[in-house]
């Protein structure tokens, strides 16, 4: 969803701009896949740094039996099995969607974009040390990145297309949904706090039906989700309407989605309650995503979401398979005409591509 107002705190950084003046520069030669600021200020007055080491919390094992919510797309009848799980729980994990090479390619992009977003104090835009790609991007998306488009849209999108059609109740082969954006989140190492349970969207009664969902997110595990690296919590079949008080039931607090192997896709109705957990590992945990909306939800023209921002440059759009181009027609951006100055353009409404900037926090 759109979340990039002009008065949002943080420094505006052009994507791909020089990093020479950045207060912290990780060493790319270290070999760390998540080469991000994993240090915190020792004090507000002295610019010294220390590595923040966090001992793994003595949390009980997850109350979520992940195997009951998981299918592999390489098995027979996987679509029907996945749909049954999704109908009941509001999410399903589909394994073997990305291979190792594709995971590495997407992880490299996530790492590069995160370097643009993470400020010296690791303030986060979704809580301390927690970041949303979409909230930081001037287009609300990272679909302009070739590795995101080729791996998460072209490849994974085609694998998951039959399941998405079933979820959105497609009629006679005609898609009743479209691609809205690409985003996801990441949590830095050393974050000790739980993120409160929440739904990603609030809808009126006309979109409160269980199926089809108005808004769907497909998060991709480009790293394995473990007990230590901040796995997402998922509360099967529960939404904001199921809250009965401020205190979370113990079963919900420990309903953490792990272990999940790299290459898996988490297909979830964004209304399903979920939340972040502490990352006590030494690496940043990423969950990039592709987001889809139902045709009915799009046609309702919700003002804070539609028309969708045109976040895919034409040259990248043209590389997508035909089925995915059809889903992305509303968000393709054309090349701007010569002389069309950026400062005279409303980035949210422009049909043309003007690049991307990230809010650094």
Foldseek 3Di string as FASTA:
>chain_A
DEAADPPDDFDWFFQPDDCPPAPDDFDPVVPFLQRAPQWAAPDPVDRDTDHQADDDDPDDAALAPQVQQEDELPDPPRLVSNLVSCLFFQKHKYFQQDDLVLLSLVSNVVNSLVNQAAHRRQCEPQGRQKYKFLNFKPQSADCQDLSCCCRVQFRSVVSCVVNQCVLQVPDPPHRQKFWFHKMWMKGAAPFADKFDKAFPDDDDPVQPDSGNHFKKKKWAFSAFDDPAAKAKAFGTPDFPVPDDDDDDDSNRVRRGNDGDHHRMIMIGRSRTIMIIHHHSDNHMGTIIIIMMGGNVSVVVPDPVCPPGQQDYEPVSLVVHPPVNNVRNVSRYAYADDPPPDPVVDDRRPHSHDDHMMTGYD
